PDB file of all heavy atoms in Angstrom:
ATOM      1  N   LYS A   1     146.199  83.869  92.090  1.00  0.00           N
ATOM      2  CA  LYS A   1     146.876  84.924  91.345  1.00  0.00           C
ATOM      3  C   LYS A   1     147.309  86.050  92.278  1.00  0.00           C
ATOM      4  O   LYS A   1     148.435  86.529  92.231  1.00  0.00           O
ATOM      5  CB  LYS A   1     145.957  85.493  90.256  1.00  0.00           C
ATOM      6  CG  LYS A   1     145.785  84.581  89.050  1.00  0.00           C
ATOM      7  CD  LYS A   1     144.850  85.236  88.051  1.00  0.00           C
ATOM      8  CE  LYS A   1     144.745  84.392  86.793  1.00  0.00           C
ATOM      9  NZ  LYS A   1     145.610  84.879  85.724  1.00  0.00           N
ATOM     10  N   LEU A   2     146.380  86.493  93.110  1.00  0.00           N
ATOM     11  CA  LEU A   2     146.644  87.622  93.980  1.00  0.00           C
ATOM     12  C   LEU A   2     147.562  87.243  95.137  1.00  0.00           C
ATOM     13  O   LEU A   2     147.269  86.328  95.906  1.00  0.00           O
ATOM     14  CB  LEU A   2     145.326  88.173  94.531  1.00  0.00           C
ATOM     15  CG  LEU A   2     145.459  89.300  95.554  1.00  0.00           C
ATOM     16  CD1 LEU A   2     146.000  90.556  94.890  1.00  0.00           C
ATOM     17  CD2 LEU A   2     144.122  89.587  96.216  1.00  0.00           C
ATOM     18  N   ALA A   3     148.694  87.937  95.235  1.00  0.00           N
ATOM     19  CA  ALA A   3     149.545  87.826  96.415  1.00  0.00           C
ATOM     20  C   ALA A   3     149.227  89.034  97.273  1.00  0.00           C
ATOM     21  O   ALA A   3     149.734  90.135  97.034  1.00  0.00           O
ATOM     22  CB  ALA A   3     151.021  87.803  96.023  1.00  0.00           C
ATOM     23  N   ASN A   4     148.346  88.864  98.241  1.00  0.00           N
ATOM     24  CA  ASN A   4     147.833  89.999  98.993  1.00  0.00           C
ATOM     25  C   ASN A   4     148.859  90.495 100.005  1.00  0.00           C
ATOM     26  O   ASN A   4     149.815  89.806 100.362  1.00  0.00           O
ATOM     27  CB  ASN A   4     146.533  89.605  99.705  1.00  0.00           C
ATOM     28  CG  ASN A   4     145.691  90.816 100.046  1.00  0.00           C
ATOM     29  OD1 ASN A   4     145.957  91.912  99.570  1.00  0.00           O
ATOM     30  ND2 ASN A   4     144.681  90.623 100.860  1.00  0.00           N
ATOM     31  N   CYS A   5     148.653  91.728 100.468  1.00  0.00           N
ATOM     32  CA  CYS A   5     149.524  92.288 101.494  1.00  0.00           C
ATOM     33  C   CYS A   5     148.971  91.940 102.876  1.00  0.00           C
ATOM     34  O   CYS A   5     147.822  91.528 103.028  1.00  0.00           O
ATOM     35  CB  CYS A   5     149.640  93.799 101.332  1.00  0.00           C
ATOM     36  SG  CYS A   5     148.058  94.672 101.312  1.00  0.00           S
ATOM     37  N   GLU A   6     149.799  92.110 103.879  1.00  0.00           N
ATOM     38  CA  GLU A   6     149.402  91.754 105.237  1.00  0.00           C
ATOM     39  C   GLU A   6     148.464  92.800 105.840  1.00  0.00           C
ATOM     40  O   GLU A   6     147.568  92.474 106.611  1.00  0.00           O
ATOM     41  CB  GLU A   6     150.647  91.580 106.119  1.00  0.00           C
ATOM     42  CG  GLU A   6     151.546  90.431 105.681  1.00  0.00           C
ATOM     43  CD  GLU A   6     152.864  90.421 106.444  1.00  0.00           C
ATOM     44  OE1 GLU A   6     152.975  91.168 107.447  1.00  0.00           O
ATOM     45  OE2 GLU A   6     153.773  89.680 106.039  1.00  0.00           O
ATOM     46  N   SER A   7     148.686  94.057 105.509  1.00  0.00           N
ATOM     47  CA  SER A   7     147.890  95.133 106.090  1.00  0.00           C
ATOM     48  C   SER A   7     146.463  95.114 105.547  1.00  0.00           C
ATOM     49  O   SER A   7     146.223  94.811 104.382  1.00  0.00           O
ATOM     50  CB  SER A   7     148.530  96.489 105.779  1.00  0.00           C
ATOM     51  OG  SER A   7     147.702  97.545 106.217  1.00  0.00           O
ATOM     52  N   ARG A   8     145.519  95.443 106.406  1.00  0.00           N
ATOM     53  CA  ARG A   8     144.124  95.620 105.985  1.00  0.00           C
ATOM     54  C   ARG A   8     143.716  97.089 106.055  1.00  0.00           C
ATOM     55  O   ARG A   8     142.551  97.427 105.951  1.00  0.00           O
ATOM     56  CB  ARG A   8     143.188  94.775 106.873  1.00  0.00           C
ATOM     57  CG  ARG A   8     143.307  93.269 106.600  1.00  0.00           C
ATOM     58  CD  ARG A   8     142.839  92.957 105.175  1.00  0.00           C
ATOM     59  NE  ARG A   8     142.835  91.523 104.897  1.00  0.00           N
ATOM     60  CZ  ARG A   8     143.851  90.858 104.356  1.00  0.00           C
ATOM     61  NH1 ARG A   8     144.970  91.512 104.055  1.00  0.00           N
ATOM     62  NH2 ARG A   8     143.767  89.561 104.114  1.00  0.00           N
ATOM     63  N   ASP A   9     144.713  97.957 106.240  1.00  0.00           N
ATOM     64  CA  ASP A   9     144.474  99.402 106.260  1.00  0.00           C
ATOM     65  C   ASP A   9     144.553  99.911 104.825  1.00  0.00           C
ATOM     66  O   ASP A   9     145.638  99.994 104.242  1.00  0.00           O
ATOM     67  CB  ASP A   9     145.507 100.100 107.141  1.00  0.00           C
ATOM     68  CG  ASP A   9     145.230 101.597 107.287  1.00  0.00           C
ATOM     69  OD1 ASP A   9     144.392 102.127 106.525  1.00  0.00           O
ATOM     70  OD2 ASP A   9     145.857 102.235 108.154  1.00  0.00           O
ATOM     71  N   ALA A  10     143.394 100.229 104.243  1.00  0.00           N
ATOM     72  CA  ALA A  10     143.347 100.618 102.830  1.00  0.00           C
ATOM     73  C   ALA A  10     144.212 101.844 102.537  1.00  0.00           C
ATOM     74  O   ALA A  10     144.790 101.959 101.457  1.00  0.00           O
ATOM     75  CB  ALA A  10     141.903 100.890 102.417  1.00  0.00           C
ATOM     76  N   LYS A  11     144.319 102.765 103.493  1.00  0.00           N
ATOM     77  CA  LYS A  11     145.076 103.998 103.269  1.00  0.00           C
ATOM     78  C   LYS A  11     146.566 103.729 103.090  1.00  0.00           C
ATOM     79  O   LYS A  11     147.280 104.523 102.474  1.00  0.00           O
ATOM     80  CB  LYS A  11     144.851 104.976 104.425  1.00  0.00           C
ATOM     81  CG  LYS A  11     143.429 105.508 104.509  1.00  0.00           C
ATOM     82  CD  LYS A  11     143.270 106.485 105.662  1.00  0.00           C
ATOM     83  CE  LYS A  11     141.837 107.014 105.741  1.00  0.00           C
ATOM     84  NZ  LYS A  11     141.645 107.952 106.871  1.00  0.00           N
ATOM     85  N   LYS A  12     147.051 102.611 103.636  1.00  0.00           N
ATOM     86  CA  LYS A  12     148.474 102.291 103.553  1.00  0.00           C
ATOM     87  C   LYS A  12     148.776 101.245 102.481  1.00  0.00           C
ATOM     88  O   LYS A  12     149.938 100.995 102.173  1.00  0.00           O
ATOM     89  CB  LYS A  12     148.969 101.777 104.909  1.00  0.00           C
ATOM     90  CG  LYS A  12     148.870 102.790 106.040  1.00  0.00           C
ATOM     91  CD  LYS A  12     149.346 102.189 107.349  1.00  0.00           C
ATOM     92  CE  LYS A  12     149.229 103.203 108.494  1.00  0.00           C
ATOM     93  NZ  LYS A  12     149.638 102.610 109.800  1.00  0.00           N
ATOM     94  N   SER A  13     147.735 100.619 101.936  1.00  0.00           N
ATOM     95  CA  SER A  13     147.943  99.492 101.026  1.00  0.00           C
ATOM     96  C   SER A  13     147.912  99.920  99.566  1.00  0.00           C
ATOM     97  O   SER A  13     147.246 100.887  99.196  1.00  0.00           O
ATOM     98  CB  SER A  13     146.857  98.432 101.267  1.00  0.00           C
ATOM     99  OG  SER A  13     146.876  97.983 102.604  1.00  0.00           O
ATOM    100  N   GLU A  14     148.627  99.157  98.736  1.00  0.00           N
ATOM    101  CA  GLU A  14     148.623  99.406  97.301  1.00  0.00           C
ATOM    102  C   GLU A  14     148.722  98.074  96.562  1.00  0.00           C
ATOM    103  O   GLU A  14     149.295  97.104  97.074  1.00  0.00           O
ATOM    104  CB  GLU A  14     149.778 100.325  96.902  1.00  0.00           C
ATOM    105  CG  GLU A  14     151.144  99.913  97.405  1.00  0.00           C
ATOM    106  CD  GLU A  14     152.200 100.997  97.218  1.00  0.00           C
ATOM    107  OE1 GLU A  14     151.859 102.187  97.393  1.00  0.00           O
ATOM    108  OE2 GLU A  14     153.347 100.651  96.888  1.00  0.00           O
ATOM    109  N   ILE A  15     148.131  98.021  95.381  1.00  0.00           N
ATOM    110  CA  ILE A  15     148.138  96.798  94.590  1.00  0.00           C
ATOM    111  C   ILE A  15     148.744  97.080  93.222  1.00  0.00           C
ATOM    112  O   ILE A  15     148.410  98.077  92.580  1.00  0.00           O
ATOM    113  CB  ILE A  15     146.716  96.201  94.453  1.00  0.00           C
ATOM    114  CG1 ILE A  15     146.759  94.870  93.711  1.00  0.00           C
ATOM    115  CG2 ILE A  15     145.749  97.173  93.798  1.00  0.00           C
ATOM    116  CD1 ILE A  15     145.447  94.101  93.754  1.00  0.00           C
ATOM    117  N   PHE A  16     149.671  96.219  92.802  1.00  0.00           N
ATOM    118  CA  PHE A  16     150.314  96.333  91.502  1.00  0.00           C
ATOM    119  C   PHE A  16     149.684  95.311  90.558  1.00  0.00           C
ATOM    120  O   PHE A  16     149.664  94.111  90.854  1.00  0.00           O
ATOM    121  CB  PHE A  16     151.815  96.070  91.603  1.00  0.00           C
ATOM    122  CG  PHE A  16     152.581  97.164  92.289  1.00  0.00           C
ATOM    123  CD1 PHE A  16     152.634  97.241  93.668  1.00  0.00           C
ATOM    124  CD2 PHE A  16     153.257  98.118  91.543  1.00  0.00           C
ATOM    125  CE1 PHE A  16     153.348  98.244  94.307  1.00  0.00           C
ATOM    126  CE2 PHE A  16     153.972  99.128  92.173  1.00  0.00           C
ATOM    127  CZ  PHE A  16     154.015  99.199  93.559  1.00  0.00           C
ATOM    128  N   ILE A  17     149.173  95.784  89.430  1.00  0.00           N
ATOM    129  CA  ILE A  17     148.677  94.881  88.394  1.00  0.00           C
ATOM    130  C   ILE A  17     149.825  94.703  87.408  1.00  0.00           C
ATOM    131  O   ILE A  17     150.209  95.642  86.704  1.00  0.00           O
ATOM    132  CB  ILE A  17     147.435  95.460  87.703  1.00  0.00           C
ATOM    133  CG1 ILE A  17     146.342  95.737  88.733  1.00  0.00           C
ATOM    134  CG2 ILE A  17     146.920  94.496  86.641  1.00  0.00           C
ATOM    135  CD1 ILE A  17     145.142  96.453  88.175  1.00  0.00           C
ATOM    136  N   VAL A  18     150.401  93.490  87.397  1.00  0.00           N
ATOM    137  CA  VAL A  18     151.663  93.253  86.688  1.00  0.00           C
ATOM    138  C   VAL A  18     151.428  92.365  85.475  1.00  0.00           C
ATOM    139  O   VAL A  18     150.771  91.326  85.570  1.00  0.00           O
ATOM    140  CB  VAL A  18     152.698  92.591  87.626  1.00  0.00           C
ATOM    141  CG1 VAL A  18     154.051  92.494  86.928  1.00  0.00           C
ATOM    142  CG2 VAL A  18     152.816  93.375  88.922  1.00  0.00           C
ATOM    143  N   GLU A  19     151.992  92.787  84.353  1.00  0.00           N
ATOM    144  CA  GLU A  19     151.865  92.019  83.115  1.00  0.00           C
ATOM    145  C   GLU A  19     152.835  90.840  83.129  1.00  0.00           C
ATOM    146  O   GLU A  19     154.046  91.008  83.294  1.00  0.00           O
ATOM    147  CB  GLU A  19     152.175  92.938  81.923  1.00  0.00           C
ATOM    148  CG  GLU A  19     152.335  92.211  80.604  1.00  0.00           C
ATOM    149  CD  GLU A  19     153.173  92.999  79.603  1.00  0.00           C
ATOM    150  OE1 GLU A  19     153.561  94.137  79.900  1.00  0.00           O
ATOM    151  OE2 GLU A  19     153.432  92.447  78.526  1.00  0.00           O
ATOM    152  N   GLY A  20     152.307  89.635  82.978  1.00  0.00           N
ATOM    153  CA  GLY A  20     153.149  88.458  82.797  1.00  0.00           C
ATOM    154  C   GLY A  20     153.516  87.749  84.083  1.00  0.00           C
ATOM    155  O   GLY A  20     153.733  88.371  85.123  1.00  0.00           O
ATOM    156  N   ASP A  21     153.617  86.402  84.007  1.00  0.00           N
ATOM    157  CA  ASP A  21     153.958  85.605  85.180  1.00  0.00           C
ATOM    158  C   ASP A  21     155.400  85.832  85.623  1.00  0.00           C
ATOM    159  O   ASP A  21     155.715  85.790  86.806  1.00  0.00           O
ATOM    160  CB  ASP A  21     153.733  84.115  84.891  1.00  0.00           C
ATOM    161  CG  ASP A  21     152.245  83.786  84.753  1.00  0.00           C
ATOM    162  OD1 ASP A  21     151.440  84.545  85.343  1.00  0.00           O
ATOM    163  OD2 ASP A  21     151.902  82.808  84.076  1.00  0.00           O
ATOM    164  N   SER A  22     156.310  86.072  84.653  1.00  0.00           N
ATOM    165  CA  SER A  22     157.719  86.267  84.990  1.00  0.00           C
ATOM    166  C   SER A  22     157.912  87.524  85.837  1.00  0.00           C
ATOM    167  O   SER A  22     158.517  87.489  86.908  1.00  0.00           O
ATOM    168  CB  SER A  22     158.551  86.361  83.707  1.00  0.00           C
ATOM    169  OG  SER A  22     159.895  86.655  84.013  1.00  0.00           O
ATOM    170  N   ALA A  23     157.370  88.644  85.330  1.00  0.00           N
ATOM    171  CA  ALA A  23     157.469  89.899  86.090  1.00  0.00           C
ATOM    172  C   ALA A  23     156.697  89.787  87.392  1.00  0.00           C
ATOM    173  O   ALA A  23     157.102  90.329  88.416  1.00  0.00           O
ATOM    174  CB  ALA A  23     156.944  91.053  85.254  1.00  0.00           C
ATOM    175  N   GLY A  24     155.569  89.065  87.348  1.00  0.00           N
ATOM    176  CA  GLY A  24     154.785  88.872  88.563  1.00  0.00           C
ATOM    177  C   GLY A  24     155.559  88.133  89.629  1.00  0.00           C
ATOM    178  O   GLY A  24     155.492  88.466  90.818  1.00  0.00           O
ATOM    179  N   GLY A  25     156.317  87.127  89.200  1.00  0.00           N
ATOM    180  CA  GLY A  25     157.139  86.377  90.155  1.00  0.00           C
ATOM    181  C   GLY A  25     158.209  87.240  90.787  1.00  0.00           C
ATOM    182  O   GLY A  25     158.418  87.198  92.013  1.00  0.00           O
ATOM    183  N   SER A  26     158.892  88.044  89.960  1.00  0.00           N
ATOM    184  CA  SER A  26     159.912  88.950  90.498  1.00  0.00           C
ATOM    185  C   SER A  26     159.293  89.971  91.440  1.00  0.00           C
ATOM    186  O   SER A  26     159.860  90.305  92.482  1.00  0.00           O
ATOM    187  CB  SER A  26     160.621  89.674  89.340  1.00  0.00           C
ATOM    188  OG  SER A  26     161.355  88.775  88.550  1.00  0.00           O
ATOM    189  N   ALA A  27     158.115  90.485  91.043  1.00  0.00           N
ATOM    190  CA  ALA A  27     157.457  91.502  91.869  1.00  0.00           C
ATOM    191  C   ALA A  27     157.041  90.931  93.220  1.00  0.00           C
ATOM    192  O   ALA A  27     157.147  91.602  94.253  1.00  0.00           O
ATOM    193  CB  ALA A  27     156.235  92.064  91.131  1.00  0.00           C
ATOM    194  N   LYS A  28     156.578  89.683  93.233  1.00  0.00           N
ATOM    195  CA  LYS A  28     156.184  89.061  94.497  1.00  0.00           C
ATOM    196  C   LYS A  28     157.376  88.926  95.443  1.00  0.00           C
ATOM    197  O   LYS A  28     157.245  89.091  96.660  1.00  0.00           O
ATOM    198  CB  LYS A  28     155.565  87.686  94.238  1.00  0.00           C
ATOM    199  CG  LYS A  28     154.169  87.750  93.634  1.00  0.00           C
ATOM    200  CD  LYS A  28     153.615  86.358  93.342  1.00  0.00           C
ATOM    201  CE  LYS A  28     152.236  86.441  92.688  1.00  0.00           C
ATOM    202  NZ  LYS A  28     151.688  85.106  92.367  1.00  0.00           N
ATOM    203  N   MET A  29     158.556  88.630  94.879  1.00  0.00           N
ATOM    204  CA  MET A  29     159.766  88.516  95.706  1.00  0.00           C
ATOM    205  C   MET A  29     160.281  89.885  96.135  1.00  0.00           C
ATOM    206  O   MET A  29     160.827  90.040  97.226  1.00  0.00           O
ATOM    207  CB  MET A  29     160.849  87.766  94.935  1.00  0.00           C
ATOM    208  CG  MET A  29     160.581  86.288  94.752  1.00  0.00           C
ATOM    209  SD  MET A  29     162.004  85.406  94.075  1.00  0.00           S
ATOM    210  CE  MET A  29     162.042  86.058  92.404  1.00  0.00           C
ATOM    211  N   ALA A  30     160.096  90.887  95.262  1.00  0.00           N
ATOM    212  CA  ALA A  30     160.682  92.202  95.522  1.00  0.00           C
ATOM    213  C   ALA A  30     159.850  93.066  96.453  1.00  0.00           C
ATOM    214  O   ALA A  30     160.376  93.927  97.153  1.00  0.00           O
ATOM    215  CB  ALA A  30     160.863  92.936  94.191  1.00  0.00           C
ATOM    216  N   ARG A  31     158.572  92.861  96.506  1.00  0.00           N
ATOM    217  CA  ARG A  31     157.644  93.763  97.183  1.00  0.00           C
ATOM    218  C   ARG A  31     157.862  93.806  98.698  1.00  0.00           C
ATOM    219  O   ARG A  31     158.495  92.924  99.297  1.00  0.00           O
ATOM    220  CB  ARG A  31     156.208  93.297  96.927  1.00  0.00           C
ATOM    221  CG  ARG A  31     155.933  91.947  97.599  1.00  0.00           C
ATOM    222  CD  ARG A  31     154.537  91.456  97.365  1.00  0.00           C
ATOM    223  NE  ARG A  31     154.333  90.134  97.898  1.00  0.00           N
ATOM    224  CZ  ARG A  31     153.278  89.765  98.616  1.00  0.00           C
ATOM    225  NH1 ARG A  31     152.326  90.638  98.881  1.00  0.00           N
ATOM    226  NH2 ARG A  31     153.166  88.526  99.047  1.00  0.00           N
ATOM    227  N   ASN A  32     157.277  94.810  99.319  1.00  0.00           N
ATOM    228  CA  ASN A  32     157.161  94.858 100.773  1.00  0.00           C
ATOM    229  C   ASN A  32     155.816  94.211 101.122  1.00  0.00           C
ATOM    230  O   ASN A  32     154.754  94.775 100.861  1.00  0.00           O
ATOM    231  CB  ASN A  32     157.190  96.307 101.263  1.00  0.00           C
ATOM    232  CG  ASN A  32     157.192  96.415 102.773  1.00  0.00           C
ATOM    233  OD1 ASN A  32     156.531  95.646 103.460  1.00  0.00           O
ATOM    234  ND2 ASN A  32     157.933  97.379 103.300  1.00  0.00           N
ATOM    235  N   ARG A  33     155.859  93.026 101.670  1.00  0.00           N
ATOM    236  CA  ARG A  33     154.649  92.243 101.910  1.00  0.00           C
ATOM    237  C   ARG A  33     153.671  92.934 102.858  1.00  0.00           C
ATOM    238  O   ARG A  33     152.488  92.635 102.863  1.00  0.00           O
ATOM    239  CB  ARG A  33     155.014  90.865 102.495  1.00  0.00           C
ATOM    240  CG  ARG A  33     155.761  89.985 101.524  1.00  0.00           C
ATOM    241  CD  ARG A  33     156.253  88.708 102.209  1.00  0.00           C
ATOM    242  NE  ARG A  33     156.962  87.870 101.250  1.00  0.00           N
ATOM    243  CZ  ARG A  33     156.380  86.928 100.520  1.00  0.00           C
ATOM    244  NH1 ARG A  33     155.080  86.708 100.663  1.00  0.00           N
ATOM    245  NH2 ARG A  33     157.070  86.208  99.663  1.00  0.00           N
ATOM    246  N   LEU A  34     154.191  93.856 103.665  1.00  0.00           N
ATOM    247  CA  LEU A  34     153.339  94.500 104.654  1.00  0.00           C
ATOM    248  C   LEU A  34     152.210  95.282 103.991  1.00  0.00           C
ATOM    249  O   LEU A  34     151.053  95.201 104.415  1.00  0.00           O
ATOM    250  CB  LEU A  34     154.163  95.427 105.549  1.00  0.00           C
ATOM    251  CG  LEU A  34     153.396  96.169 106.644  1.00  0.00           C
ATOM    252  CD1 LEU A  34     152.763  95.186 107.618  1.00  0.00           C
ATOM    253  CD2 LEU A  34     154.309  97.145 107.370  1.00  0.00           C
ATOM    254  N   TYR A  35     152.514  96.039 102.921  1.00  0.00           N
ATOM    255  CA  TYR A  35     151.499  96.924 102.348  1.00  0.00           C
ATOM    256  C   TYR A  35     151.373  96.835 100.825  1.00  0.00           C
ATOM    257  O   TYR A  35     150.550  97.525 100.227  1.00  0.00           O
ATOM    258  CB  TYR A  35     151.786  98.378 102.737  1.00  0.00           C
ATOM    259  CG  TYR A  35     153.098  98.915 102.218  1.00  0.00           C
ATOM    260  CD1 TYR A  35     153.177  99.532 100.979  1.00  0.00           C
ATOM    261  CD2 TYR A  35     154.263  98.796 102.963  1.00  0.00           C
ATOM    262  CE1 TYR A  35     154.369 100.020 100.489  1.00  0.00           C
ATOM    263  CE2 TYR A  35     155.476  99.282 102.491  1.00  0.00           C
ATOM    264  CZ  TYR A  35     155.519  99.884 101.255  1.00  0.00           C
ATOM    265  OH  TYR A  35     156.713 100.356 100.768  1.00  0.00           O
ATOM    266  N   GLN A  36     152.177  95.963 100.168  1.00  0.00           N
ATOM    267  CA  GLN A  36     152.116  95.876  98.708  1.00  0.00           C
ATOM    268  C   GLN A  36     151.567  94.526  98.259  1.00  0.00           C
ATOM    269  O   GLN A  36     152.128  93.476  98.593  1.00  0.00           O
ATOM    270  CB  GLN A  36     153.510  96.094  98.103  1.00  0.00           C
ATOM    271  CG  GLN A  36     154.001  97.531  98.241  1.00  0.00           C
ATOM    272  CD  GLN A  36     155.382  97.738  97.640  1.00  0.00           C
ATOM    273  OE1 GLN A  36     156.218  96.841  97.668  1.00  0.00           O
ATOM    274  NE2 GLN A  36     155.621  98.932  97.105  1.00  0.00           N
TER     275      GLN A  36
END
């Protein structure tokens, strides 16, 4: 379920809890993988 970010620096990282697989799929494509 979790598409984790690449960074392990907690101060720079953020996690989005997204409702639904459809929005989750779009969010995974849209995000900045480095810190989101």
